Amino acid sequence: MVFYLEHVLTGDQVFLLEGVNTLGRHSTCSWIMKYDYMSRFHAIILVKRGQIFIKELEALNGVFLNYSEERIGLGLREISVGDDLSFGVKVNGDEELEIPTSFGIFTVKSKEPDSTDPMDEKPILDERTEPDSTDPLGEDPKLDYPTTEMEGQETNDIEEPEKLH
């Protein structure tokens, strides 16, 4: 199963890799997302054994799930295919507003890998940064870059997140 985020207005897609995916405006993030109200290090999305989890990082304006008024927060929360994620903007899903395409609002989607499509063999890396040859750890910061709260933790050591559904 391949998971990705699809922008609700533009259809832009962000393919999520197995493991830790950092999202934000900073050049060391796995996915550089320059939408209005996005922080430099906005969120982590963890994909592990077919499950998807999210948590805020240094997000001044938060992450909102399914147009809720409550922020996701700093703890890992499980999300599912079909959920809507709003990065930095609180939008009421009941109102019919004209939402600018510069707002980072995405739907979580998935697809089965197509063995006949060569694009499904590797994740799409168009928007990813190049490996940083000056990285003092000698590691590729895109794949498993430690964050403030997860420093030194293996992904299998992370506490079980609370379920939303």
N, C-alpha and C. Protein backbone atom coordinates (compact mmCIF):
# COMPACT_ATOMS: atom_id res chain seq x y z
N MET A 1 0.85 -1.17 0.00
CA MET A 1 0.00 0.00 0.00
C MET A 1 0.90 1.23 0.00
N VAL A 2 0.59 2.16 -0.86
CA VAL A 2 1.31 3.43 -0.95
C VAL A 2 0.37 4.51 -0.42
N PHE A 3 0.85 5.27 0.56
CA PHE A 3 0.05 6.36 1.13
C PHE A 3 0.57 7.69 0.59
N TYR A 4 -0.36 8.62 0.42
CA TYR A 4 0.03 9.95 -0.03
C TYR A 4 -1.00 10.98 0.45
N LEU A 5 -0.58 12.24 0.43
CA LEU A 5 -1.46 13.36 0.73
C LEU A 5 -1.79 14.03 -0.59
N GLU A 6 -3.06 14.37 -0.79
CA GLU A 6 -3.46 15.06 -2.01
C GLU A 6 -4.12 16.38 -1.64
N HIS A 7 -3.58 17.47 -2.20
CA HIS A 7 -4.13 18.80 -1.92
C HIS A 7 -5.58 18.84 -2.39
N VAL A 8 -6.47 19.34 -1.53
CA VAL A 8 -7.90 19.29 -1.84
C VAL A 8 -8.31 20.16 -3.02
N LEU A 9 -7.51 21.17 -3.35
CA LEU A 9 -7.87 22.05 -4.46
C LEU A 9 -7.02 21.85 -5.70
N THR A 10 -5.72 21.68 -5.53
CA THR A 10 -4.82 21.61 -6.69
C THR A 10 -4.55 20.19 -7.16
N GLY A 11 -4.78 19.21 -6.28
CA GLY A 11 -4.47 17.82 -6.63
C GLY A 11 -3.00 17.48 -6.49
N ASP A 12 -2.17 18.43 -6.01
CA ASP A 12 -0.75 18.12 -5.77
C ASP A 12 -0.66 16.94 -4.81
N GLN A 13 0.32 16.07 -5.05
CA GLN A 13 0.46 14.86 -4.23
C GLN A 13 1.81 14.83 -3.53
N VAL A 14 1.80 14.39 -2.29
CA VAL A 14 2.99 14.19 -1.48
C VAL A 14 2.99 12.72 -1.09
N PHE A 15 3.88 11.93 -1.69
CA PHE A 15 3.94 10.50 -1.39
C PHE A 15 4.72 10.26 -0.11
N LEU A 16 4.16 9.46 0.78
CA LEU A 16 4.75 9.21 2.09
C LEU A 16 5.57 7.93 2.06
N LEU A 17 6.78 8.01 2.58
CA LEU A 17 7.66 6.86 2.64
C LEU A 17 7.43 6.09 3.93
N GLU A 18 7.74 4.82 3.93
CA GLU A 18 7.72 4.03 5.15
C GLU A 18 8.71 4.66 6.12
N GLY A 19 8.31 4.87 7.36
CA GLY A 19 9.17 5.51 8.35
C GLY A 19 8.75 6.94 8.59
N VAL A 20 9.71 7.76 8.98
CA VAL A 20 9.45 9.14 9.38
C VAL A 20 9.50 10.07 8.18
N ASN A 21 8.46 10.88 8.01
CA ASN A 21 8.37 11.92 6.98
C ASN A 21 8.20 13.25 7.69
N THR A 22 9.14 14.19 7.52
CA THR A 22 9.00 15.51 8.12
C THR A 22 8.44 16.47 7.08
N LEU A 23 7.49 17.30 7.50
CA LEU A 23 6.85 18.26 6.61
C LEU A 23 7.03 19.66 7.15
N GLY A 24 7.39 20.59 6.28
CA GLY A 24 7.54 21.97 6.69
C GLY A 24 8.22 22.79 5.62
N ARG A 25 8.58 24.03 5.97
CA ARG A 25 9.19 24.95 5.02
C ARG A 25 10.72 24.82 4.96
N HIS A 26 11.32 24.18 5.95
CA HIS A 26 12.78 24.12 6.05
C HIS A 26 13.38 23.14 5.03
N SER A 27 14.56 23.46 4.57
CA SER A 27 15.21 22.65 3.53
C SER A 27 15.59 21.25 3.99
N THR A 28 15.65 20.99 5.30
CA THR A 28 15.99 19.65 5.77
C THR A 28 14.77 18.75 5.96
N CYS A 29 13.58 19.28 5.71
CA CYS A 29 12.37 18.45 5.83
C CYS A 29 12.33 17.43 4.69
N SER A 30 11.73 16.29 4.95
CA SER A 30 11.54 15.28 3.91
C SER A 30 10.75 15.87 2.75
N TRP A 31 9.71 16.60 3.09
CA TRP A 31 8.86 17.25 2.08
C TRP A 31 8.80 18.73 2.40
N ILE A 32 9.30 19.55 1.50
CA ILE A 32 9.27 20.99 1.67
C ILE A 32 7.91 21.48 1.17
N MET A 33 7.13 22.06 2.09
CA MET A 33 5.77 22.49 1.77
C MET A 33 5.65 23.97 2.10
N LYS A 34 5.58 24.79 1.09
CA LYS A 34 5.58 26.24 1.28
C LYS A 34 4.16 26.80 1.13
N TYR A 35 3.29 26.35 2.00
CA TYR A 35 1.92 26.86 2.02
C TYR A 35 1.80 27.94 3.08
N ASP A 36 0.78 28.78 2.96
CA ASP A 36 0.54 29.82 3.96
C ASP A 36 0.40 29.18 5.34
N TYR A 37 1.00 29.80 6.32
CA TYR A 37 0.90 29.41 7.73
C TYR A 37 1.61 28.10 8.08
N MET A 38 2.45 27.59 7.18
CA MET A 38 3.27 26.40 7.48
C MET A 38 4.50 26.87 8.25
N SER A 39 4.89 26.12 9.27
CA SER A 39 6.10 26.40 10.02
C SER A 39 7.30 25.73 9.37
N ARG A 40 8.48 26.12 9.81
CA ARG A 40 9.70 25.50 9.26
C ARG A 40 9.69 23.99 9.47
N PHE A 41 9.35 23.56 10.67
CA PHE A 41 9.21 22.13 10.99
C PHE A 41 7.80 21.96 11.52
N HIS A 42 6.88 21.63 10.65
CA HIS A 42 5.46 21.68 11.01
C HIS A 42 4.96 20.37 11.62
N ALA A 43 5.26 19.24 10.97
CA ALA A 43 4.69 17.97 11.43
C ALA A 43 5.55 16.80 11.00
N ILE A 44 5.34 15.69 11.70
CA ILE A 44 5.92 14.41 11.31
C ILE A 44 4.76 13.49 10.97
N ILE A 45 4.91 12.79 9.87
CA ILE A 45 3.98 11.71 9.56
C ILE A 45 4.80 10.43 9.55
N LEU A 46 4.38 9.49 10.37
CA LEU A 46 5.06 8.21 10.50
C LEU A 46 4.22 7.14 9.82
N VAL A 47 4.82 6.44 8.87
CA VAL A 47 4.15 5.31 8.20
C VAL A 47 4.85 4.05 8.68
N LYS A 48 4.09 3.19 9.31
CA LYS A 48 4.69 1.98 9.88
C LYS A 48 3.72 0.81 9.75
N ARG A 49 4.15 -0.21 9.01
CA ARG A 49 3.37 -1.46 8.83
C ARG A 49 1.92 -1.19 8.46
N GLY A 50 1.71 -0.32 7.48
CA GLY A 50 0.36 -0.08 6.98
C GLY A 50 -0.47 0.87 7.81
N GLN A 51 0.12 1.47 8.84
CA GLN A 51 -0.60 2.45 9.65
C GLN A 51 0.07 3.81 9.46
N ILE A 52 -0.70 4.87 9.68
CA ILE A 52 -0.20 6.24 9.51
C ILE A 52 -0.47 7.00 10.80
N PHE A 53 0.56 7.72 11.27
CA PHE A 53 0.46 8.52 12.48
C PHE A 53 0.98 9.92 12.18
N ILE A 54 0.47 10.92 12.91
CA ILE A 54 0.92 12.30 12.72
C ILE A 54 1.11 12.95 14.08
N LYS A 55 2.04 13.91 14.14
CA LYS A 55 2.18 14.76 15.31
C LYS A 55 2.76 16.09 14.87
N GLU A 56 2.43 17.14 15.63
CA GLU A 56 2.97 18.46 15.36
C GLU A 56 4.41 18.53 15.84
N LEU A 57 5.18 19.39 15.19
CA LEU A 57 6.53 19.68 15.67
C LEU A 57 6.53 21.11 16.20
N GLU A 58 7.23 21.99 15.54
CA GLU A 58 7.31 23.39 15.96
C GLU A 58 6.25 24.21 15.23
N ALA A 59 5.05 23.71 15.19
CA ALA A 59 3.98 24.32 14.39
C ALA A 59 3.29 25.42 15.17
N LEU A 60 3.59 26.65 14.83
CA LEU A 60 2.96 27.79 15.48
C LEU A 60 1.45 27.76 15.28
N ASN A 61 1.01 27.39 14.07
CA ASN A 61 -0.41 27.44 13.75
C ASN A 61 -1.10 26.08 13.75
N GLY A 62 -0.41 25.03 14.12
CA GLY A 62 -1.03 23.73 14.35
C GLY A 62 -1.35 22.91 13.12
N VAL A 63 -1.86 21.71 13.42
CA VAL A 63 -2.37 20.78 12.42
C VAL A 63 -3.77 20.39 12.90
N PHE A 64 -4.72 20.40 11.98
CA PHE A 64 -6.11 20.11 12.33
C PHE A 64 -6.60 18.92 11.51
N LEU A 65 -7.33 18.03 12.15
CA LEU A 65 -7.82 16.80 11.53
C LEU A 65 -9.31 16.92 11.26
N ASN A 66 -9.69 16.67 10.01
CA ASN A 66 -11.11 16.62 9.62
C ASN A 66 -11.89 17.87 10.06
N TYR A 67 -11.27 19.03 9.87
CA TYR A 67 -11.90 20.32 10.11
C TYR A 67 -12.30 20.54 11.57
N SER A 68 -11.64 19.83 12.46
CA SER A 68 -11.87 20.02 13.89
C SER A 68 -11.26 21.34 14.34
N GLU A 69 -11.75 21.87 15.43
CA GLU A 69 -11.16 23.09 15.99
C GLU A 69 -10.00 22.77 16.91
N GLU A 70 -9.82 21.49 17.25
CA GLU A 70 -8.73 21.07 18.13
C GLU A 70 -7.49 20.71 17.33
N ARG A 71 -6.34 21.17 17.81
CA ARG A 71 -5.07 20.83 17.18
C ARG A 71 -4.73 19.37 17.44
N ILE A 72 -3.96 18.79 16.53
CA ILE A 72 -3.50 17.40 16.71
C ILE A 72 -2.62 17.30 17.95
N GLY A 73 -1.69 18.24 18.12
CA GLY A 73 -0.83 18.27 19.30
C GLY A 73 0.49 17.54 19.10
N LEU A 74 1.22 17.39 20.21
CA LEU A 74 2.58 16.85 20.17
C LEU A 74 2.66 15.34 20.31
N GLY A 75 1.56 14.67 20.62
CA GLY A 75 1.56 13.22 20.70
C GLY A 75 1.21 12.60 19.36
N LEU A 76 1.72 11.40 19.10
CA LEU A 76 1.38 10.72 17.85
C LEU A 76 -0.10 10.36 17.86
N ARG A 77 -0.78 10.65 16.76
CA ARG A 77 -2.19 10.33 16.60
C ARG A 77 -2.36 9.52 15.33
N GLU A 78 -3.13 8.47 15.38
CA GLU A 78 -3.36 7.66 14.19
C GLU A 78 -4.33 8.38 13.27
N ILE A 79 -4.02 8.35 11.97
CA ILE A 79 -4.90 8.91 10.96
C ILE A 79 -5.20 7.82 9.94
N SER A 80 -6.21 8.03 9.13
CA SER A 80 -6.66 7.01 8.19
C SER A 80 -6.87 7.60 6.80
N VAL A 81 -6.91 6.72 5.83
CA VAL A 81 -7.24 7.11 4.47
C VAL A 81 -8.61 7.78 4.50
N GLY A 82 -8.74 8.92 3.84
CA GLY A 82 -9.98 9.68 3.82
C GLY A 82 -9.99 10.85 4.78
N ASP A 83 -9.06 10.86 5.75
CA ASP A 83 -8.98 11.99 6.67
C ASP A 83 -8.46 13.22 5.94
N ASP A 84 -8.92 14.39 6.38
CA ASP A 84 -8.42 15.66 5.86
C ASP A 84 -7.50 16.29 6.90
N LEU A 85 -6.33 16.74 6.44
CA LEU A 85 -5.35 17.40 7.30
C LEU A 85 -5.21 18.84 6.85
N SER A 86 -5.29 19.75 7.80
CA SER A 86 -5.13 21.16 7.52
C SER A 86 -3.90 21.65 8.27
N PHE A 87 -2.88 22.08 7.51
CA PHE A 87 -1.62 22.52 8.09
C PHE A 87 -1.63 24.03 8.26
N GLY A 88 -1.76 24.49 9.51
CA GLY A 88 -1.64 25.90 9.80
C GLY A 88 -2.90 26.73 9.68
N VAL A 89 -3.97 26.16 9.19
CA VAL A 89 -5.22 26.91 9.06
C VAL A 89 -6.38 26.11 9.62
N LYS A 90 -7.18 26.79 10.42
CA LYS A 90 -8.36 26.17 11.00
C LYS A 90 -9.53 26.50 10.08
N VAL A 91 -10.11 25.47 9.48
CA VAL A 91 -11.21 25.66 8.54
C VAL A 91 -12.39 24.86 9.05
N ASN A 92 -13.56 25.50 9.09
CA ASN A 92 -14.78 24.81 9.49
C ASN A 92 -15.34 24.11 8.26
N GLY A 93 -15.47 22.80 8.31
CA GLY A 93 -15.93 22.01 7.18
C GLY A 93 -17.38 22.25 6.81
N ASP A 94 -18.17 22.84 7.73
CA ASP A 94 -19.58 23.06 7.46
C ASP A 94 -19.83 24.31 6.63
N GLU A 95 -18.88 25.24 6.65
CA GLU A 95 -19.05 26.49 5.94
C GLU A 95 -18.58 26.37 4.50
N GLU A 96 -19.26 27.05 3.62
CA GLU A 96 -18.85 27.08 2.22
C GLU A 96 -18.03 28.35 2.01
N LEU A 97 -16.72 28.20 2.16
CA LEU A 97 -15.82 29.33 2.01
C LEU A 97 -14.99 29.15 0.76
N GLU A 98 -14.52 30.25 0.22
CA GLU A 98 -13.57 30.18 -0.87
C GLU A 98 -12.19 30.03 -0.23
N ILE A 99 -11.61 28.86 -0.33
CA ILE A 99 -10.32 28.57 0.29
C ILE A 99 -9.23 28.80 -0.75
N PRO A 100 -8.22 29.60 -0.42
CA PRO A 100 -7.13 29.83 -1.37
C PRO A 100 -6.31 28.56 -1.59
N THR A 101 -5.77 28.40 -2.78
CA THR A 101 -4.93 27.24 -3.07
C THR A 101 -3.61 27.29 -2.31
N SER A 102 -3.30 28.43 -1.70
CA SER A 102 -2.06 28.57 -0.93
C SER A 102 -2.20 28.03 0.49
N PHE A 103 -3.38 27.54 0.87
CA PHE A 103 -3.57 26.90 2.17
C PHE A 103 -3.23 25.41 2.03
N GLY A 104 -2.52 24.87 3.02
CA GLY A 104 -2.11 23.47 2.99
C GLY A 104 -3.17 22.56 3.56
N ILE A 105 -4.14 22.20 2.75
CA ILE A 105 -5.21 21.29 3.18
C ILE A 105 -5.17 20.07 2.27
N PHE A 106 -5.01 18.91 2.88
CA PHE A 106 -4.79 17.68 2.13
C PHE A 106 -5.70 16.57 2.61
N THR A 107 -6.00 15.64 1.71
CA THR A 107 -6.72 14.41 2.05
C THR A 107 -5.71 13.27 2.03
N VAL A 108 -5.79 12.40 3.04
CA VAL A 108 -4.94 11.21 3.08
C VAL A 108 -5.52 10.19 2.12
N LYS A 109 -4.68 9.69 1.22
CA LYS A 109 -5.14 8.71 0.23
C LYS A 109 -4.17 7.55 0.15
N SER A 110 -4.59 6.50 -0.54
CA SER A 110 -3.71 5.35 -0.73
C SER A 110 -4.00 4.72 -2.08
N LYS A 111 -3.05 3.93 -2.52
CA LYS A 111 -3.26 3.15 -3.72
C LYS A 111 -2.39 1.91 -3.63
N GLU A 112 -2.82 0.90 -4.33
CA GLU A 112 -2.03 -0.32 -4.41
C GLU A 112 -0.91 -0.09 -5.42
N PRO A 113 0.29 -0.54 -5.11
CA PRO A 113 1.35 -0.41 -6.10
C PRO A 113 0.99 -1.17 -7.37
N ASP A 114 1.24 -0.57 -8.52
CA ASP A 114 0.96 -1.19 -9.80
C ASP A 114 2.27 -1.71 -10.35
N SER A 115 2.43 -3.01 -10.42
CA SER A 115 3.70 -3.60 -10.83
C SER A 115 4.04 -3.28 -12.28
N THR A 116 3.07 -2.83 -13.08
CA THR A 116 3.36 -2.49 -14.46
C THR A 116 3.77 -1.03 -14.62
N ASP A 117 3.61 -0.24 -13.56
CA ASP A 117 3.95 1.17 -13.60
C ASP A 117 5.32 1.38 -12.97
N PRO A 118 6.33 1.77 -13.75
CA PRO A 118 7.67 1.94 -13.18
C PRO A 118 7.73 3.03 -12.12
N MET A 119 6.77 3.95 -12.10
CA MET A 119 6.75 5.00 -11.08
C MET A 119 6.41 4.45 -9.71
N ASP A 120 5.74 3.29 -9.64
CA ASP A 120 5.37 2.70 -8.36
C ASP A 120 6.51 1.94 -7.72
N GLU A 121 7.59 1.71 -8.44
CA GLU A 121 8.71 0.98 -7.87
C GLU A 121 9.47 1.83 -6.86
N LYS A 122 9.49 3.13 -7.07
CA LYS A 122 10.19 4.04 -6.18
C LYS A 122 9.25 5.19 -5.86
N PRO A 123 9.37 5.77 -4.64
CA PRO A 123 8.53 6.92 -4.33
C PRO A 123 8.88 8.10 -5.24
N ILE A 124 7.90 8.95 -5.49
CA ILE A 124 8.15 10.15 -6.27
C ILE A 124 8.94 11.12 -5.40
N LEU A 125 10.06 11.61 -5.92
CA LEU A 125 10.95 12.44 -5.13
C LEU A 125 11.07 13.86 -5.67
N ASP A 126 10.16 14.27 -6.54
CA ASP A 126 10.27 15.57 -7.19
C ASP A 126 10.49 16.72 -6.21
N GLU A 127 9.74 16.75 -5.10
CA GLU A 127 9.80 17.89 -4.20
C GLU A 127 10.76 17.68 -3.04
N ARG A 128 11.46 16.55 -3.01
CA ARG A 128 12.36 16.27 -1.90
C ARG A 128 13.68 17.00 -2.09
N THR A 129 14.36 17.21 -1.00
CA THR A 129 15.66 17.87 -1.07
C THR A 129 16.72 16.86 -1.47
N GLU A 130 17.82 17.36 -2.00
CA GLU A 130 18.96 16.50 -2.30
C GLU A 130 19.65 16.16 -0.98
N PRO A 131 20.35 14.99 -0.89
CA PRO A 131 21.06 14.67 0.34
C PRO A 131 22.07 15.78 0.67
N ASP A 132 22.19 16.10 1.94
CA ASP A 132 23.08 17.15 2.40
C ASP A 132 24.44 16.55 2.69
N SER A 133 25.42 16.86 1.85
CA SER A 133 26.75 16.28 2.03
C SER A 133 27.45 16.85 3.25
N THR A 134 26.92 17.92 3.86
CA THR A 134 27.54 18.49 5.05
C THR A 134 26.89 17.97 6.32
N ASP A 135 26.01 17.00 6.21
CA ASP A 135 25.33 16.44 7.37
C ASP A 135 26.36 15.82 8.31
N PRO A 136 26.49 16.32 9.55
CA PRO A 136 27.53 15.81 10.45
C PRO A 136 27.34 14.36 10.84
N LEU A 137 26.12 13.85 10.74
CA LEU A 137 25.88 12.45 11.08
C LEU A 137 26.18 11.52 9.92
N GLY A 138 26.38 12.11 8.74
CA GLY A 138 26.64 11.29 7.56
C GLY A 138 25.43 10.52 7.11
N GLU A 139 24.26 10.98 7.50
CA GLU A 139 23.02 10.29 7.14
C GLU A 139 22.22 11.17 6.20
N ASP A 140 21.35 10.57 5.45
CA ASP A 140 20.46 11.31 4.58
C ASP A 140 19.33 11.89 5.44
N PRO A 141 19.23 13.22 5.55
CA PRO A 141 18.24 13.81 6.45
C PRO A 141 16.80 13.57 6.02
N LYS A 142 16.56 13.11 4.80
CA LYS A 142 15.19 12.92 4.33
C LYS A 142 14.55 11.67 4.92
N LEU A 143 15.34 10.66 5.21
CA LEU A 143 14.76 9.36 5.52
C LEU A 143 14.44 9.15 6.98
N ASP A 144 15.31 9.54 7.88
CA ASP A 144 15.08 9.25 9.28
C ASP A 144 15.73 10.34 10.12
N TYR A 145 15.43 11.56 9.82
CA TYR A 145 16.07 12.69 10.47
C TYR A 145 15.52 12.83 11.88
N PRO A 146 16.38 12.80 12.92
CA PRO A 146 15.87 12.91 14.29
C PRO A 146 15.24 14.28 14.53
N THR A 147 14.22 14.28 15.35
CA THR A 147 13.57 15.53 15.71
C THR A 147 13.72 15.73 17.21
N THR A 148 13.31 16.87 17.68
CA THR A 148 13.49 17.22 19.07
C THR A 148 12.99 16.13 20.02
N GLU A 149 11.75 15.69 19.86
CA GLU A 149 11.19 14.71 20.79
C GLU A 149 11.57 13.28 20.46
N MET A 150 11.93 13.00 19.22
CA MET A 150 12.20 11.63 18.82
C MET A 150 13.69 11.33 18.75
N GLU A 151 14.54 12.28 19.17
CA GLU A 151 15.98 12.12 19.10
C GLU A 151 16.39 10.81 19.74
N GLY A 152 17.09 9.99 18.99
CA GLY A 152 17.65 8.75 19.52
C GLY A 152 16.67 7.62 19.65
N GLN A 153 15.40 7.82 19.34
CA GLN A 153 14.42 6.75 19.45
C GLN A 153 14.31 6.02 18.13
N GLU A 154 14.20 4.74 18.19
CA GLU A 154 13.87 3.96 17.00
C GLU A 154 12.36 4.05 16.83
N THR A 155 11.88 3.92 15.60
CA THR A 155 10.44 4.06 15.39
C THR A 155 9.66 2.94 16.08
N ASN A 156 10.30 1.79 16.34
CA ASN A 156 9.57 0.72 17.03
C ASN A 156 9.55 0.93 18.53
N ASP A 157 10.24 1.98 19.05
CA ASP A 157 10.22 2.30 20.47
C ASP A 157 9.17 3.35 20.81
N ILE A 158 8.46 3.84 19.82
CA ILE A 158 7.49 4.90 20.05
C ILE A 158 6.27 4.31 20.73
N GLU A 159 5.77 5.02 21.74
CA GLU A 159 4.60 4.54 22.46
C GLU A 159 3.41 4.43 21.52
N GLU A 160 2.52 3.52 21.85
CA GLU A 160 1.32 3.37 21.03
C GLU A 160 0.52 4.65 21.07
N PRO A 161 0.16 5.19 19.92
CA PRO A 161 -0.64 6.43 19.88
C PRO A 161 -2.09 6.15 20.21
N GLU A 162 -2.77 7.24 20.59
CA GLU A 162 -4.19 7.08 20.85
C GLU A 162 -4.93 7.01 19.54
N LYS A 163 -5.99 6.24 19.51
CA LYS A 163 -6.79 6.09 18.29
C LYS A 163 -7.88 7.14 18.26
N LEU A 164 -8.11 7.68 17.07
CA LEU A 164 -9.15 8.69 16.89
C LEU A 164 -10.46 8.09 16.43
N HIS A 165 -10.39 6.92 15.84
CA HIS A 165 -11.59 6.37 15.21
C HIS A 165 -12.12 5.22 16.02
